[in-house]
Each structure stands twice: as C-alpha cells, then as structure tokens.
N, C-alpha and C. Protein backbone atom coordinates (compact mmCIF):
# COMPACT_ATOMS: atom_id res chain seq x y z
N UNK A 1 -44.88 4.33 29.04
CA UNK A 1 -43.69 2.71 28.27
C UNK A 1 -43.01 3.87 27.08
N UNK A 2 -42.01 3.36 27.65
CA UNK A 2 -40.66 3.62 26.80
C UNK A 2 -40.40 2.57 25.41
N UNK A 3 -40.57 3.65 24.98
CA UNK A 3 -40.26 2.76 23.61
C UNK A 3 -38.92 3.25 22.76
N UNK A 4 -38.02 1.83 22.39
CA UNK A 4 -37.22 1.87 21.68
C UNK A 4 -36.53 1.82 20.22
N UNK A 5 -36.29 2.57 19.17
CA UNK A 5 -36.15 2.41 17.90
C UNK A 5 -34.93 2.02 17.69
N UNK A 6 -34.74 0.85 17.26
CA UNK A 6 -33.63 0.29 17.28
C UNK A 6 -32.75 0.35 15.28
N UNK A 7 -31.88 1.28 15.06
CA UNK A 7 -31.38 1.30 13.21
C UNK A 7 -30.09 0.62 13.85
N UNK A 8 -29.48 -0.22 12.51
CA UNK A 8 -27.99 -0.86 12.39
C UNK A 8 -27.19 0.49 12.11
N UNK A 9 -27.74 1.39 11.25
CA UNK A 9 -26.62 2.53 11.46
C UNK A 9 -26.92 3.74 11.12
N UNK A 10 -25.94 4.98 11.68
CA UNK A 10 -26.06 5.86 12.06
C UNK A 10 -27.18 6.87 10.98
N UNK A 11 -26.73 6.49 9.83
CA UNK A 11 -27.23 6.92 8.88
C UNK A 11 -28.80 6.91 8.83
N UNK A 12 -28.82 5.82 9.21
CA UNK A 12 -30.52 5.87 9.56
C UNK A 12 -31.29 6.48 10.35
N UNK A 13 -30.94 7.56 11.24
CA UNK A 13 -31.51 7.77 12.98
C UNK A 13 -31.95 9.34 11.77
N UNK A 14 -33.63 9.22 11.91
CA UNK A 14 -34.56 9.64 11.66
C UNK A 14 -34.39 10.92 12.89
N UNK A 15 -33.88 12.66 12.13
CA UNK A 15 -33.59 13.15 12.99
C UNK A 15 -35.02 13.80 13.60
N UNK A 16 -35.87 14.01 12.45
CA UNK A 16 -37.57 14.53 12.80
C UNK A 16 -38.00 13.79 14.01
N UNK A 17 -37.45 12.23 14.22
CA UNK A 17 -37.89 11.61 15.24
C UNK A 17 -37.34 11.50 16.33
N UNK A 18 -36.13 12.18 16.26
CA UNK A 18 -35.17 12.96 17.56
C UNK A 18 -35.89 14.13 18.44
N UNK A 19 -36.33 14.80 17.67
CA UNK A 19 -37.42 16.13 17.77
C UNK A 19 -37.85 15.79 19.98
N UNK A 20 -37.86 16.40 20.46
CA UNK A 20 -38.88 16.92 22.15
C UNK A 20 -37.67 16.18 23.03
N UNK A 21 -36.24 16.74 22.59
CA UNK A 21 -35.52 16.26 23.97
C UNK A 21 -35.27 14.46 23.40
N UNK A 22 -35.22 13.74 22.59
CA UNK A 22 -34.78 12.13 22.85
C UNK A 22 -33.35 12.35 22.47
N UNK A 23 -32.92 11.13 23.08
CA UNK A 23 -31.97 10.83 22.78
C UNK A 23 -31.44 9.39 21.97
N UNK A 24 -30.28 9.40 21.72
CA UNK A 24 -30.17 8.58 20.43
C UNK A 24 -28.62 7.92 20.68
N UNK A 25 -28.66 7.40 21.00
CA UNK A 25 -27.40 5.88 21.01
C UNK A 25 -26.65 5.47 19.68
N UNK A 26 -26.24 5.66 19.61
CA UNK A 26 -25.03 4.88 18.14
C UNK A 26 -24.37 3.70 18.21
N UNK A 27 -24.76 2.28 17.89
CA UNK A 27 -23.09 1.29 17.61
C UNK A 27 -22.69 1.50 16.84
N UNK A 28 -21.98 1.82 15.98
CA UNK A 28 -22.04 1.08 14.53
C UNK A 28 -21.05 0.04 14.77
N UNK A 29 -21.52 -0.65 14.67
CA UNK A 29 -20.22 -1.90 14.56
C UNK A 29 -19.77 -2.21 13.69
N UNK A 30 -20.84 -1.44 12.23
CA UNK A 30 -20.22 -1.78 11.27
C UNK A 30 -19.43 -0.96 10.23
N UNK A 31 -18.42 0.19 10.89
CA UNK A 31 -17.54 1.42 10.74
C UNK A 31 -17.00 0.88 9.49
N UNK A 32 -15.93 -0.01 9.71
CA UNK A 32 -15.42 -1.43 8.80
C UNK A 32 -15.73 -1.60 7.63
N UNK A 33 -16.69 -2.41 8.06
CA UNK A 33 -17.23 -2.88 6.78
C UNK A 33 -18.06 -1.47 5.43
N UNK A 34 -18.60 -0.76 6.37
CA UNK A 34 -19.68 0.64 5.24
C UNK A 34 -18.13 1.83 4.87
N UNK A 35 -16.74 1.00 5.50
CA UNK A 35 -15.65 2.16 5.18
C UNK A 35 -15.34 1.46 4.24
N UNK A 36 -14.86 -0.23 3.62
CA UNK A 36 -14.71 -1.00 3.14
C UNK A 36 -15.37 -0.89 1.51
N UNK A 37 -16.83 -1.45 1.98
CA UNK A 37 -17.56 -1.40 0.50
C UNK A 37 -17.61 0.14 -0.09
N UNK A 38 -17.33 1.25 0.78
CA UNK A 38 -17.47 2.50 -0.17
C UNK A 38 -16.23 2.85 -0.59
N UNK A 39 -14.67 2.48 -0.13
CA UNK A 39 -13.62 2.82 -0.94
C UNK A 39 -13.81 2.00 -2.00
N UNK A 40 -14.02 0.88 -1.92
CA UNK A 40 -14.39 0.00 -3.46
C UNK A 40 -15.23 0.05 -4.04
N UNK A 41 -16.17 0.43 -3.62
CA UNK A 41 -17.26 1.30 -4.94
C UNK A 41 -16.79 2.39 -5.45
N UNK A 42 -16.21 3.18 -4.98
CA UNK A 42 -15.49 4.49 -5.27
C UNK A 42 -14.40 4.44 -6.60
N UNK A 43 -13.79 2.64 -6.38
CA UNK A 43 -13.05 2.92 -7.36
C UNK A 43 -11.28 1.90 -6.27
N UNK A 44 -11.30 1.91 -5.59
CA UNK A 44 -10.04 2.15 -4.68
C UNK A 44 -9.48 0.55 -5.27
N UNK A 45 -8.12 0.91 -5.48
CA UNK A 45 -7.20 -0.62 -5.79
C UNK A 45 -7.83 -1.90 -5.19
N UNK A 46 -7.47 -1.74 -3.47
CA UNK A 46 -7.35 -2.62 -2.68
C UNK A 46 -7.99 -2.29 -1.30
N UNK A 47 -8.07 -2.95 -0.12
CA UNK A 47 -8.34 -2.68 1.06
C UNK A 47 -6.88 -3.26 1.98
N UNK A 48 -6.36 -3.22 2.42
CA UNK A 48 -5.30 -4.12 3.95
C UNK A 48 -5.65 -3.61 5.48
N UNK A 49 -6.71 -4.62 5.63
CA UNK A 49 -6.70 -4.00 7.32
C UNK A 49 -5.85 -4.89 7.56
N UNK A 50 -5.65 -4.03 9.02
CA UNK A 50 -4.02 -3.87 9.91
C UNK A 50 -4.63 -3.88 11.10
N UNK A 51 -3.72 -4.36 11.88
CA UNK A 51 -4.10 -4.63 13.45
C UNK A 51 -4.19 -3.02 14.28
N UNK A 52 -2.98 -2.50 13.41
CA UNK A 52 -2.70 -1.76 14.13
C UNK A 52 -1.85 0.25 13.95
N UNK A 53 -1.75 1.27 14.46
CA UNK A 53 -1.08 2.40 13.42
C UNK A 53 0.39 1.90 12.53
N UNK A 54 1.05 1.22 13.87
CA UNK A 54 2.30 0.90 13.21
C UNK A 54 2.55 -0.08 12.49
N UNK A 55 1.63 -1.00 12.28
CA UNK A 55 1.34 -2.16 11.15
C UNK A 55 1.36 -1.17 9.55
N UNK A 56 0.44 -0.40 9.77
CA UNK A 56 -0.29 -0.15 8.70
C UNK A 56 1.05 0.85 8.36
N UNK A 57 1.56 1.89 8.99
CA UNK A 57 2.84 2.83 8.44
C UNK A 57 3.86 1.41 7.90
N UNK A 58 4.10 0.71 8.25
CA UNK A 58 5.16 -0.21 8.15
C UNK A 58 4.19 -0.85 6.46
N UNK A 59 3.79 -0.77 6.14
CA UNK A 59 2.99 -1.38 5.02
C UNK A 59 2.82 -0.47 4.09
N UNK A 60 2.57 0.23 4.30
CA UNK A 60 2.77 2.08 3.77
C UNK A 60 3.88 1.97 3.12
N UNK A 61 5.21 2.22 4.06
CA UNK A 61 6.45 2.00 3.99
C UNK A 61 6.69 1.36 2.52
N UNK A 62 6.22 0.05 2.65
CA UNK A 62 6.50 -1.05 1.25
C UNK A 62 5.79 -0.35 0.08
N UNK A 63 4.92 0.17 0.01
CA UNK A 63 3.63 0.44 -1.60
C UNK A 63 4.73 1.54 -2.28
N UNK A 64 4.41 1.37 -3.15
CA UNK A 64 5.24 2.79 -4.07
C UNK A 64 4.60 3.62 -3.14
N UNK A 65 5.18 5.12 -3.23
CA UNK A 65 4.89 6.39 -3.03
C UNK A 65 3.65 6.66 -3.72
N UNK A 66 2.57 7.21 -2.67
CA UNK A 66 1.54 8.12 -2.94
C UNK A 66 0.26 6.96 -3.76
N UNK A 67 1.01 6.03 -3.85
CA UNK A 67 -0.15 4.76 -3.53
C UNK A 67 -1.64 4.26 -3.00
N UNK A 68 -0.87 5.14 -1.89
CA UNK A 68 -2.05 4.53 -0.48
C UNK A 68 -2.29 5.25 0.24
N UNK A 69 -3.60 5.10 1.04
CA UNK A 69 -4.37 6.64 1.80
C UNK A 69 -4.13 5.17 2.89
N UNK A 70 -3.37 6.04 4.38
CA UNK A 70 -3.60 5.55 5.81
C UNK A 70 -4.97 6.34 6.17
N UNK A 71 -5.85 5.04 6.87
CA UNK A 71 -7.39 5.03 7.11
C UNK A 71 -7.59 4.24 8.37
N UNK A 72 -8.02 4.91 9.83
CA UNK A 72 -7.78 4.54 10.82
C UNK A 72 -8.36 5.12 12.05
N UNK A 73 -9.07 4.40 13.19
CA UNK A 73 -9.17 5.28 14.06
C UNK A 73 -8.78 3.93 15.46
N UNK A 74 -8.90 4.35 16.54
CA UNK A 74 -8.37 3.55 17.49
C UNK A 74 -9.14 4.18 19.02
N UNK A 75 -10.15 3.38 19.22
CA UNK A 75 -11.16 3.61 20.58
C UNK A 75 -12.15 5.02 20.40
N UNK A 76 -12.42 4.81 18.71
CA UNK A 76 -12.95 6.00 18.48
C UNK A 76 -12.53 7.27 18.14
N UNK A 77 -10.96 7.48 18.06
CA UNK A 77 -10.47 8.59 17.85
C UNK A 77 -9.60 8.15 16.22
N UNK A 78 -9.81 9.20 15.82
CA UNK A 78 -8.92 9.33 14.45
C UNK A 78 -7.30 9.37 14.31
N UNK A 79 -6.74 7.94 14.26
CA UNK A 79 -5.15 8.54 14.33
C UNK A 79 -4.43 9.42 13.75
N UNK A 80 -3.82 9.87 14.33
CA UNK A 80 -3.22 11.41 13.92
C UNK A 80 -2.35 10.40 12.50
N UNK A 81 -2.43 11.29 11.61
CA UNK A 81 -1.80 11.13 10.23
C UNK A 81 -2.66 10.29 9.58
N UNK A 82 -3.86 9.85 9.93
CA UNK A 82 -4.44 8.70 8.74
C UNK A 82 -5.81 9.56 8.37
N UNK A 83 -6.13 9.38 7.68
CA UNK A 83 -7.99 9.58 7.49
C UNK A 83 -8.69 9.12 8.50
N UNK A 84 -10.41 9.55 8.92
CA UNK A 84 -10.96 8.95 9.43
C UNK A 84 -11.62 7.97 8.27
N UNK A 85 -11.94 6.37 9.36
CA UNK A 85 -12.74 5.90 8.62
C UNK A 85 -13.88 5.84 8.33
N UNK A 86 -14.34 7.66 7.60
CA UNK A 86 -15.66 8.20 7.36
C UNK A 86 -16.41 7.16 5.63
N UNK A 87 -17.46 6.43 5.97
CA UNK A 87 -17.61 6.42 4.62
C UNK A 87 -17.32 6.99 2.89
N UNK A 88 -18.78 8.24 3.74
CA UNK A 88 -18.63 9.61 2.33
C UNK A 88 -17.03 10.39 2.03
N UNK A 89 -16.23 10.58 3.53
CA UNK A 89 -15.14 11.19 3.07
C UNK A 89 -14.36 10.07 2.14
N UNK A 90 -13.84 8.76 2.40
CA UNK A 90 -13.22 8.08 1.41
C UNK A 90 -13.48 7.99 0.42
N UNK A 91 -14.62 8.33 0.16
CA UNK A 91 -14.61 7.82 -1.87
C UNK A 91 -14.04 9.30 -2.30
N UNK A 92 -13.94 10.70 -1.57
CA UNK A 92 -13.04 10.93 -2.34
C UNK A 92 -11.59 10.86 -2.60
N UNK A 93 -11.08 10.64 -1.39
CA UNK A 93 -9.69 10.66 -1.19
C UNK A 93 -8.78 9.00 -1.28
N UNK A 94 -9.46 7.77 -1.99
CA UNK A 94 -9.44 6.29 -2.48
C UNK A 94 -9.25 6.40 -3.57
N UNK A 95 -10.19 6.47 -4.84
CA UNK A 95 -9.60 6.31 -5.68
C UNK A 95 -8.92 5.70 -6.22
N UNK A 96 -8.37 4.45 -7.29
CA UNK A 96 -7.05 3.89 -7.61
C UNK A 96 -6.02 4.33 -6.67
N UNK A 97 -6.52 4.09 -5.40
CA UNK A 97 -5.46 3.96 -4.35
C UNK A 97 -5.72 2.27 -3.55
N UNK A 98 -4.55 2.26 -2.77
CA UNK A 98 -4.51 1.44 -1.75
C UNK A 98 -5.08 1.86 -0.61
N UNK A 99 -5.92 1.00 0.32
CA UNK A 99 -6.43 2.01 1.63
C UNK A 99 -5.68 1.17 2.74
N UNK A 100 -5.41 1.76 3.70
CA UNK A 100 -4.19 0.23 4.51
C UNK A 100 -5.52 0.57 5.47
N UNK A 101 -6.44 -0.21 6.36
CA UNK A 101 -7.01 0.29 7.20
C UNK A 101 -6.85 -0.33 8.63
N UNK A 102 -6.42 0.50 9.53
CA UNK A 102 -6.92 -0.14 11.43
C UNK A 102 -7.98 0.25 11.47
N UNK A 103 -8.85 -0.11 12.35
CA UNK A 103 -9.95 -0.25 13.00
C UNK A 103 -9.84 -0.94 14.67
N UNK A 104 -10.14 0.01 15.84
CA UNK A 104 -10.71 -1.01 17.08
C UNK A 104 -11.77 -2.08 16.65
N UNK A 105 -11.38 -3.13 17.12
CA UNK A 105 -12.14 -4.20 17.28
C UNK A 105 -11.24 -4.98 18.73
N UNK A 106 -12.38 -5.61 19.67
CA UNK A 106 -12.43 -6.94 20.48
C UNK A 106 -12.18 -7.99 20.01
N UNK A 107 -12.66 -8.80 19.16
CA UNK A 107 -12.48 -9.89 18.06
C UNK A 107 -11.51 -9.93 17.56
N UNK A 108 -10.87 -9.24 17.00
CA UNK A 108 -9.58 -8.57 16.03
C UNK A 108 -8.75 -9.87 15.16
N UNK A 109 -8.25 -10.99 15.87
CA UNK A 109 -7.94 -12.00 15.62
C UNK A 109 -8.69 -12.59 14.20
N UNK A 110 -10.71 -12.96 14.58
CA UNK A 110 -10.92 -13.45 14.05
C UNK A 110 -11.85 -12.57 12.93
N UNK A 111 -11.92 -11.55 13.21
CA UNK A 111 -12.19 -10.37 12.05
C UNK A 111 -11.58 -10.32 11.23
N UNK A 112 -9.97 -10.04 11.11
CA UNK A 112 -9.32 -9.98 10.44
C UNK A 112 -9.33 -10.63 9.50
N UNK A 113 -8.84 -12.20 9.91
CA UNK A 113 -8.64 -13.45 8.78
C UNK A 113 -10.22 -13.31 8.19
N UNK A 114 -11.46 -13.51 8.54
CA UNK A 114 -12.56 -13.25 8.19
C UNK A 114 -12.60 -12.02 6.59
N UNK A 115 -12.03 -10.37 7.27
CA UNK A 115 -12.41 -9.86 6.68
C UNK A 115 -11.53 -10.17 4.86
N UNK A 116 -9.60 -10.63 5.41
CA UNK A 116 -8.98 -11.35 4.38
C UNK A 116 -10.06 -11.70 3.29
N UNK A 117 -10.15 -12.58 3.86
CA UNK A 117 -11.14 -13.50 3.02
C UNK A 117 -11.76 -13.10 1.93
N UNK A 118 -13.13 -12.14 2.71
CA UNK A 118 -13.62 -11.30 2.10
C UNK A 118 -13.22 -10.35 0.94
N UNK A 119 -12.60 -10.14 1.33
CA UNK A 119 -11.77 -8.57 0.46
C UNK A 119 -11.17 -9.76 -0.73
N UNK A 120 -10.59 -10.62 -0.79
CA UNK A 120 -9.67 -11.61 -1.56
C UNK A 120 -11.12 -12.37 -2.54
N UNK A 121 -12.32 -12.73 -1.91
CA UNK A 121 -13.44 -12.64 -3.45
C UNK A 121 -14.04 -11.56 -3.85
N UNK A 122 -14.00 -10.17 -3.14
CA UNK A 122 -14.63 -9.54 -3.92
C UNK A 122 -13.66 -9.26 -4.90
N UNK A 123 -12.05 -8.75 -5.06
CA UNK A 123 -11.18 -8.77 -5.51
C UNK A 123 -10.79 -9.35 -6.64
N UNK A 124 -11.51 -10.71 -5.90
CA UNK A 124 -11.07 -11.99 -7.93
C UNK A 124 -12.00 -12.11 -8.04
N UNK A 125 -13.60 -11.47 -7.87
CA UNK A 125 -14.56 -11.08 -8.40
C UNK A 125 -15.83 -13.01 -8.17
N UNK A 126 -15.29 -13.24 -7.48
CA UNK A 126 -16.32 -14.10 -6.61
C UNK A 126 -17.61 -13.67 -5.78
N UNK A 127 -17.08 -12.31 -4.88
CA UNK A 127 -18.16 -12.00 -4.26
C UNK A 127 -18.30 -10.64 -5.02
N UNK A 128 -19.81 -10.37 -5.28
CA UNK A 128 -20.07 -9.37 -5.88
C UNK A 128 -20.59 -8.25 -4.56
N UNK A 129 -20.46 -6.91 -4.75
CA UNK A 129 -20.48 -5.87 -4.12
C UNK A 129 -22.11 -5.18 -4.54
N UNK A 130 -22.77 -5.32 -3.40
CA UNK A 130 -24.61 -5.29 -3.49
C UNK A 130 -24.64 -3.52 -3.60
N UNK A 131 -24.46 -2.64 -4.66
CA UNK A 131 -24.33 -1.41 -3.72
C UNK A 131 -26.15 -1.61 -5.19
N UNK A 132 -27.21 -0.80 -4.15
CA UNK A 132 -27.89 -0.88 -4.85
C UNK A 132 -28.55 0.97 -5.70
N UNK A 133 -27.46 2.23 -5.08
CA UNK A 133 -27.69 2.97 -5.94
C UNK A 133 -26.76 3.86 -5.61
N UNK A 134 -25.88 4.78 -6.60
CA UNK A 134 -25.39 5.72 -6.80
C UNK A 134 -25.81 6.89 -6.37
N UNK A 135 -25.98 7.99 -5.47
CA UNK A 135 -26.99 9.19 -5.79
C UNK A 135 -25.58 10.60 -5.22
N UNK A 136 -26.14 11.88 -5.80
CA UNK A 136 -25.08 12.72 -5.68
C UNK A 136 -26.38 12.98 -4.02
N UNK A 137 -24.72 13.58 -3.33
CA UNK A 137 -25.48 14.01 -2.15
C UNK A 137 -26.91 15.19 -2.11
N UNK A 138 -26.77 15.64 -2.74
CA UNK A 138 -28.04 16.76 -3.01
C UNK A 138 -29.73 15.99 -2.93
N UNK A 139 -29.37 14.76 -3.03
CA UNK A 139 -30.49 13.92 -3.11
C UNK A 139 -30.49 12.83 -1.85
N UNK A 140 -30.39 13.72 -0.91
CA UNK A 140 -29.89 12.63 0.59
C UNK A 140 -30.96 12.49 0.92
N UNK A 141 -31.78 13.58 0.73
CA UNK A 141 -33.37 13.30 1.72
C UNK A 141 -34.35 12.16 0.46
N UNK A 142 -33.84 12.00 -0.70
CA UNK A 142 -34.46 10.46 -1.14
C UNK A 142 -33.76 9.73 -1.20
N UNK A 143 -32.48 9.17 -1.20
CA UNK A 143 -32.22 8.82 -0.25
C UNK A 143 -32.64 7.41 1.43
N UNK A 144 -32.78 9.03 1.82
CA UNK A 144 -33.02 8.35 3.57
C UNK A 144 -34.68 7.94 3.58
N UNK A 145 -35.41 8.53 2.47
CA UNK A 145 -36.49 7.77 2.05
C UNK A 145 -36.63 6.63 1.88
N UNK A 146 -35.62 6.31 0.81
CA UNK A 146 -36.10 4.60 0.25
C UNK A 146 -35.36 3.88 1.45
N UNK A 147 -34.38 4.59 2.13
CA UNK A 147 -34.05 3.41 3.67
C UNK A 147 -35.17 2.87 4.04
N UNK A 148 -36.14 4.10 4.38
CA UNK A 148 -36.64 3.85 5.42
C UNK A 148 -38.43 3.05 5.14
N UNK A 149 -38.40 2.63 3.52
CA UNK A 149 -39.40 2.55 3.25
C UNK A 149 -39.03 0.65 3.05
N UNK A 150 -37.79 0.36 3.18
CA UNK A 150 -36.60 -0.84 3.23
C UNK A 150 -37.27 -1.58 2.00
N UNK A 151 -36.87 -0.62 1.25
CA UNK A 151 -37.31 -1.43 -0.43
C UNK A 151 -35.83 -1.59 -1.19
N UNK A 152 -34.78 -1.08 -0.44
CA UNK A 152 -33.67 -1.46 -1.78
C UNK A 152 -32.97 -2.25 -1.69
N UNK A 153 -31.89 -2.82 -2.52
CA UNK A 153 -31.15 -3.59 -2.83
C UNK A 153 -29.37 -3.65 -2.19
N UNK A 154 -29.24 -3.80 -1.03
CA UNK A 154 -27.58 -3.03 -1.35
C UNK A 154 -27.26 -2.30 -0.94
N UNK A 155 -26.26 -1.31 -0.81
CA UNK A 155 -25.49 0.07 -0.34
C UNK A 155 -25.94 1.16 -1.47
N UNK A 156 -26.98 2.21 -0.68
CA UNK A 156 -26.65 3.21 -1.50
C UNK A 156 -25.90 4.01 -0.99
N UNK A 157 -24.89 4.78 -1.59
CA UNK A 157 -23.68 5.53 -1.66
C UNK A 157 -24.65 6.87 -2.13
N UNK A 158 -24.12 7.79 -0.88
CA UNK A 158 -24.28 8.93 -1.40
C UNK A 158 -22.55 9.56 -1.78
N UNK A 159 -22.81 10.56 -2.93
CA UNK A 159 -21.34 10.79 -3.60
C UNK A 159 -21.37 12.37 -3.30
N UNK A 160 -20.18 13.12 -3.01
CA UNK A 160 -20.31 14.91 -3.49
C UNK A 160 -21.07 15.32 -4.57
C-alpha cells in the first residue's frame, strides 16, 4: 500500500524520510504569508502587497530612495531585479525597510484585500504575530525536532 505523508510547509520535510528514492511534492501555498511574517519579525517597517512587477516598481518610485526592497516571483520564478520571496534570506535585507511584494496567486483580488486588512491590523497592533522563537541557523536541527514534536506555538524563525 502506498503511504502519503502530508506537510504544510517545505521546511517540515524530513530528509531522512525521503531516503530510498522516495519523492516529495511540495505545494507551498503560504509562501507569501511566511515571507511577510519573517520580514515583519525581522524589523521591516511595512509590507505592501501588489498585483505585479509593474505596480511594485511604480510604488517603489514614490518611496524615499533606499527605503524599500522589491520582492517577488511570477509563476515560481524570481522577477528580474527583485529579491526572491525566501523568508530566511529576506530577514537579512529587509530590516527597517518597506517591502513591496508581488507573488502569483489565482485568487488575487480576495487575497490582496484580506492581506491588506491583516497587515493593517499587525501595524496598528490589534493583531500580534505569534513568533514562537528565534534561533540561530546553527540550531536548525533542534528547531526541526521542535516542529516535528508539534509542541510549538507560532512561527519558529531561523536567523543567519
């Protein structure tokens, strides 16, 4: 009988479990959410979600020079001239910056409105981010064990 193990984030894949020529398929539907959580926890001033690269560039031109970072992907590929929406990497480039974020999403209109509302709540302080812990990258194996044990509350962040 074939067994299927479901994980909700690519970070939860157990490489040891993939031994013996097993295959993993990842549907990371929460990449934008993970990226936003990571940059805000790392000290970004704000996140502005946009429809596409053109809108991101227009908004960046209206912001003070050097105050923002363009982050985005289209159909899984990093947009040329943008940072990839990789949560761990973004923590190193986004502190004290406004992040202009463009990601692919079929339900974009509903998503954008909901995301703007959530971000407003976070920025005004009525919604608190659940950061369960911040760990140095050297402790990645320990963080993995914590996640596997499902005894954590909130996101666990690894920092370089």
